[in-house]
């Protein structure tokens, strides 16, 4: 009995494409360079876990910054601050949302 091999490249491409409410770190850098970011929001998703979200001028709502394995999370605020300082964020508003 012959077995057929499925082409998984289409499935892989479909899962690696960012959703409309997500953006990659490279896209974020490009939007920052073009001054299209209204606000950066640091959100505490669970204790000592932080995500970076952005409000883009021409998009509705927030966009979560993703990495290759999903939403990018930071364990330490100092690491996140260092990352933001190395990017050209200019006078972009940065807001912090903590868990209650």
N, C-alpha and C. Protein backbone atom coordinates (compact mmCIF):
# COMPACT_ATOMS: atom_id res chain seq x y z
N UNK A 1 0.84 -1.16 0.00
CA UNK A 1 0.00 0.00 0.00
C UNK A 1 0.90 1.24 0.00
N UNK A 2 0.64 2.11 -0.91
CA UNK A 2 1.44 3.33 -1.03
C UNK A 2 0.91 4.39 -0.07
N UNK A 3 1.83 5.09 0.51
CA UNK A 3 1.43 6.19 1.39
C UNK A 3 1.69 7.50 0.68
N UNK A 4 0.85 8.44 0.94
CA UNK A 4 1.05 9.76 0.34
C UNK A 4 1.53 10.72 1.41
N UNK A 5 2.36 11.59 0.99
CA UNK A 5 2.91 12.58 1.91
C UNK A 5 2.18 13.89 1.68
N UNK A 6 1.67 14.45 2.73
CA UNK A 6 0.97 15.72 2.61
C UNK A 6 1.97 16.86 2.60
N UNK A 7 1.65 17.84 1.80
CA UNK A 7 2.48 19.03 1.76
C UNK A 7 2.05 19.92 2.92
N UNK A 8 2.93 20.08 3.91
CA UNK A 8 2.59 20.88 5.09
C UNK A 8 3.05 22.31 4.96
N UNK A 9 3.68 22.67 3.85
CA UNK A 9 4.16 24.04 3.72
C UNK A 9 3.02 25.04 3.72
N UNK A 10 1.88 24.70 3.12
CA UNK A 10 0.74 25.61 3.11
C UNK A 10 0.20 25.80 4.53
N UNK A 11 0.17 24.70 5.32
CA UNK A 11 -0.29 24.83 6.70
C UNK A 11 0.68 25.67 7.51
N UNK A 12 1.97 25.48 7.30
CA UNK A 12 2.97 26.24 8.03
C UNK A 12 2.89 27.72 7.68
N UNK A 13 2.73 28.03 6.41
CA UNK A 13 2.61 29.43 6.01
C UNK A 13 1.39 30.08 6.62
N UNK A 14 0.31 29.32 6.70
CA UNK A 14 -0.92 29.87 7.24
C UNK A 14 -0.78 30.19 8.73
N UNK A 15 -0.07 29.36 9.48
CA UNK A 15 0.06 29.59 10.91
C UNK A 15 1.12 30.63 11.24
N UNK A 16 2.07 30.89 10.35
CA UNK A 16 3.11 31.86 10.65
C UNK A 16 2.75 33.27 10.23
N UNK A 17 1.68 33.45 9.47
CA UNK A 17 1.26 34.79 9.08
C UNK A 17 0.62 35.47 10.28
N UNK A 18 1.01 36.72 10.57
CA UNK A 18 0.40 37.40 11.72
C UNK A 18 -1.07 37.70 11.48
N UNK A 19 -1.84 37.63 12.54
CA UNK A 19 -3.26 37.98 12.46
C UNK A 19 -3.40 39.49 12.34
N UNK A 20 -4.58 39.99 11.96
CA UNK A 20 -4.74 41.44 11.80
C UNK A 20 -4.44 42.24 13.06
N UNK A 21 -4.65 41.65 14.23
CA UNK A 21 -4.37 42.38 15.46
C UNK A 21 -2.97 42.09 16.00
N UNK A 22 -2.11 41.51 15.18
CA UNK A 22 -0.73 41.23 15.56
C UNK A 22 0.21 41.91 14.56
N UNK A 23 1.41 42.20 15.01
CA UNK A 23 2.43 42.68 14.10
C UNK A 23 3.79 42.16 14.56
N UNK A 24 4.65 41.95 13.62
CA UNK A 24 5.98 41.44 13.94
C UNK A 24 6.85 42.57 14.46
N UNK A 25 7.95 42.19 15.08
CA UNK A 25 8.89 43.19 15.59
C UNK A 25 9.46 44.04 14.46
N UNK A 26 9.67 43.43 13.31
CA UNK A 26 10.19 44.19 12.16
C UNK A 26 9.16 45.20 11.66
N UNK A 27 7.89 44.81 11.64
CA UNK A 27 6.85 45.76 11.25
C UNK A 27 6.77 46.91 12.24
N UNK A 28 6.89 46.59 13.53
CA UNK A 28 6.87 47.65 14.54
C UNK A 28 8.00 48.63 14.31
N UNK A 29 9.18 48.15 14.03
CA UNK A 29 10.32 49.04 13.77
C UNK A 29 10.07 49.92 12.56
N UNK A 30 9.47 49.36 11.54
CA UNK A 30 9.17 50.15 10.33
C UNK A 30 8.12 51.22 10.64
N UNK A 31 7.09 50.86 11.40
CA UNK A 31 6.06 51.84 11.77
C UNK A 31 6.64 52.93 12.66
N UNK A 32 7.55 52.56 13.56
CA UNK A 32 8.21 53.56 14.40
C UNK A 32 9.06 54.51 13.55
N UNK A 33 9.76 53.95 12.58
CA UNK A 33 10.61 54.78 11.71
C UNK A 33 9.77 55.77 10.92
N UNK A 34 8.58 55.33 10.48
CA UNK A 34 7.70 56.20 9.70
C UNK A 34 6.78 57.06 10.58
N UNK A 35 6.94 56.97 11.91
CA UNK A 35 6.14 57.74 12.88
C UNK A 35 4.66 57.45 12.74
N UNK A 36 4.30 56.16 12.57
CA UNK A 36 2.91 55.75 12.45
C UNK A 36 2.39 55.10 13.72
N UNK A 37 3.17 55.12 14.80
CA UNK A 37 2.76 54.54 16.07
C UNK A 37 2.29 55.66 16.98
N UNK A 38 1.02 55.62 17.38
CA UNK A 38 0.48 56.63 18.30
C UNK A 38 0.90 56.36 19.73
N UNK A 39 0.93 55.09 20.11
CA UNK A 39 1.14 54.75 21.51
C UNK A 39 1.67 53.32 21.61
N UNK A 40 2.59 53.11 22.55
CA UNK A 40 3.06 51.77 22.92
C UNK A 40 2.51 51.46 24.30
N UNK A 41 1.94 50.27 24.46
CA UNK A 41 1.34 49.89 25.72
C UNK A 41 2.06 48.64 26.22
N UNK A 42 2.57 48.70 27.45
CA UNK A 42 3.18 47.55 28.11
C UNK A 42 2.09 46.97 29.01
N UNK A 43 1.68 45.73 28.73
CA UNK A 43 0.58 45.11 29.43
C UNK A 43 1.12 43.94 30.26
N UNK A 44 0.78 43.93 31.57
CA UNK A 44 1.13 42.80 32.42
C UNK A 44 0.07 41.73 32.23
N UNK A 45 0.42 40.64 31.57
CA UNK A 45 -0.54 39.59 31.27
C UNK A 45 -0.73 38.63 32.44
N UNK A 46 0.31 38.40 33.19
CA UNK A 46 0.30 37.62 34.42
C UNK A 46 1.43 38.17 35.28
N UNK A 47 1.51 37.81 36.55
CA UNK A 47 2.57 38.39 37.38
C UNK A 47 3.96 38.19 36.77
N UNK A 48 4.66 39.28 36.59
CA UNK A 48 6.03 39.30 36.06
C UNK A 48 6.12 38.82 34.61
N UNK A 49 5.07 38.98 33.85
CA UNK A 49 5.07 38.71 32.40
C UNK A 49 4.45 39.91 31.71
N UNK A 50 5.16 40.46 30.74
CA UNK A 50 4.72 41.69 30.08
C UNK A 50 4.71 41.50 28.58
N UNK A 51 3.71 42.07 27.92
CA UNK A 51 3.62 42.08 26.46
C UNK A 51 3.65 43.52 25.99
N UNK A 52 4.13 43.69 24.78
CA UNK A 52 4.18 45.01 24.16
C UNK A 52 3.08 45.07 23.10
N UNK A 53 2.25 46.09 23.20
CA UNK A 53 1.19 46.32 22.22
C UNK A 53 1.35 47.72 21.65
N UNK A 54 0.87 47.91 20.44
CA UNK A 54 1.02 49.21 19.77
C UNK A 54 -0.32 49.64 19.18
N UNK A 55 -0.52 50.94 19.20
CA UNK A 55 -1.67 51.54 18.50
C UNK A 55 -1.12 52.24 17.26
N UNK A 56 -1.49 51.71 16.12
CA UNK A 56 -1.02 52.22 14.83
C UNK A 56 -2.05 53.23 14.33
N UNK A 57 -1.58 54.29 13.68
CA UNK A 57 -2.47 55.39 13.28
C UNK A 57 -3.61 54.92 12.38
N UNK A 58 -3.35 54.03 11.44
CA UNK A 58 -4.36 53.64 10.48
C UNK A 58 -5.04 52.31 10.80
N UNK A 59 -4.74 51.70 11.95
CA UNK A 59 -5.39 50.47 12.38
C UNK A 59 -6.32 50.77 13.56
N UNK A 60 -7.40 50.04 13.63
CA UNK A 60 -8.30 50.18 14.77
C UNK A 60 -7.84 49.26 15.90
N UNK A 61 -7.86 49.75 17.11
CA UNK A 61 -7.50 48.93 18.26
C UNK A 61 -6.00 48.77 18.44
N UNK A 62 -5.65 47.78 19.24
CA UNK A 62 -4.25 47.51 19.56
C UNK A 62 -3.72 46.34 18.75
N UNK A 63 -2.44 46.35 18.51
CA UNK A 63 -1.76 45.25 17.82
C UNK A 63 -0.69 44.71 18.75
N UNK A 64 -0.70 43.41 18.99
CA UNK A 64 0.28 42.77 19.85
C UNK A 64 1.53 42.45 19.05
N UNK A 65 2.69 42.77 19.61
CA UNK A 65 3.97 42.47 18.96
C UNK A 65 4.25 40.98 19.15
N UNK A 66 4.52 40.29 18.04
CA UNK A 66 4.75 38.86 18.08
C UNK A 66 6.17 38.52 17.67
N UNK A 67 6.61 37.36 18.12
CA UNK A 67 7.89 36.80 17.70
C UNK A 67 7.62 35.59 16.83
N UNK A 68 8.62 34.75 16.68
CA UNK A 68 8.45 33.57 15.83
C UNK A 68 7.58 32.50 16.50
N UNK A 69 7.46 32.54 17.84
CA UNK A 69 6.68 31.53 18.56
C UNK A 69 5.43 32.10 19.19
N UNK A 70 4.92 33.20 18.69
CA UNK A 70 3.70 33.77 19.25
C UNK A 70 3.96 35.14 19.85
N UNK A 71 3.03 35.61 20.67
CA UNK A 71 3.20 36.94 21.27
C UNK A 71 4.50 37.02 22.07
N UNK A 72 5.21 38.09 21.86
CA UNK A 72 6.50 38.30 22.54
C UNK A 72 6.24 38.74 23.97
N UNK A 73 6.79 37.99 24.94
CA UNK A 73 6.62 38.34 26.33
C UNK A 73 7.98 38.63 26.95
N UNK A 74 7.97 39.49 27.93
CA UNK A 74 9.18 39.88 28.66
C UNK A 74 8.97 39.52 30.13
N UNK A 75 10.00 38.96 30.75
CA UNK A 75 9.92 38.59 32.16
C UNK A 75 10.34 39.72 33.09
N UNK A 76 11.00 40.71 32.52
CA UNK A 76 11.56 41.77 33.34
C UNK A 76 11.29 43.11 32.66
N UNK A 77 10.81 44.07 33.41
CA UNK A 77 10.57 45.40 32.84
C UNK A 77 11.86 46.06 32.40
N UNK A 78 12.96 45.79 33.09
CA UNK A 78 14.25 46.37 32.69
C UNK A 78 14.66 45.92 31.30
N UNK A 79 14.41 44.67 30.97
CA UNK A 79 14.71 44.16 29.63
C UNK A 79 13.87 44.87 28.59
N UNK A 80 12.61 45.05 28.89
CA UNK A 80 11.70 45.75 27.97
C UNK A 80 12.11 47.20 27.79
N UNK A 81 12.49 47.86 28.87
CA UNK A 81 12.94 49.26 28.78
C UNK A 81 14.20 49.36 27.93
N UNK A 82 15.14 48.43 28.13
CA UNK A 82 16.36 48.42 27.32
C UNK A 82 16.03 48.23 25.85
N UNK A 83 15.10 47.32 25.55
CA UNK A 83 14.68 47.10 24.16
C UNK A 83 14.09 48.38 23.56
N UNK A 84 13.22 49.05 24.31
CA UNK A 84 12.60 50.27 23.80
C UNK A 84 13.61 51.38 23.60
N UNK A 85 14.60 51.47 24.49
CA UNK A 85 15.62 52.51 24.35
C UNK A 85 16.50 52.30 23.13
N UNK A 86 16.70 51.05 22.73
CA UNK A 86 17.53 50.79 21.56
C UNK A 86 16.79 51.02 20.25
N UNK A 87 15.46 51.10 20.32
CA UNK A 87 14.67 51.39 19.12
C UNK A 87 14.47 52.90 19.02
N UNK A 88 14.17 53.35 17.85
CA UNK A 88 13.97 54.79 17.63
C UNK A 88 12.51 55.12 17.88
N UNK A 89 12.11 55.19 19.17
CA UNK A 89 10.70 55.45 19.47
C UNK A 89 10.38 56.94 19.51
N UNK A 90 11.41 57.78 19.57
CA UNK A 90 11.19 59.22 19.56
C UNK A 90 10.32 59.66 20.71
N UNK A 91 9.31 60.47 20.42
CA UNK A 91 8.43 60.98 21.47
C UNK A 91 7.12 60.18 21.57
N UNK A 92 7.18 58.90 21.17
CA UNK A 92 5.99 58.04 21.24
C UNK A 92 5.60 57.81 22.69
N UNK A 93 4.32 57.94 22.97
CA UNK A 93 3.79 57.72 24.31
C UNK A 93 3.91 56.24 24.66
N UNK A 94 4.44 55.95 25.87
CA UNK A 94 4.53 54.58 26.37
C UNK A 94 3.71 54.51 27.65
N UNK A 95 2.76 53.59 27.68
CA UNK A 95 1.84 53.45 28.81
C UNK A 95 2.02 52.07 29.43
N UNK A 96 1.87 51.97 30.74
CA UNK A 96 2.02 50.73 31.47
C UNK A 96 0.67 50.34 32.08
N UNK A 97 0.20 49.13 31.80
CA UNK A 97 -1.04 48.61 32.37
C UNK A 97 -0.70 47.41 33.24
N UNK A 98 -0.94 47.53 34.55
CA UNK A 98 -0.62 46.47 35.49
C UNK A 98 -1.88 45.73 35.92
N UNK A 99 -1.72 44.49 36.33
CA UNK A 99 -2.83 43.73 36.88
C UNK A 99 -3.27 44.32 38.21
N UNK A 100 -4.52 44.19 38.51
CA UNK A 100 -5.03 44.74 39.79
C UNK A 100 -4.72 43.83 40.95
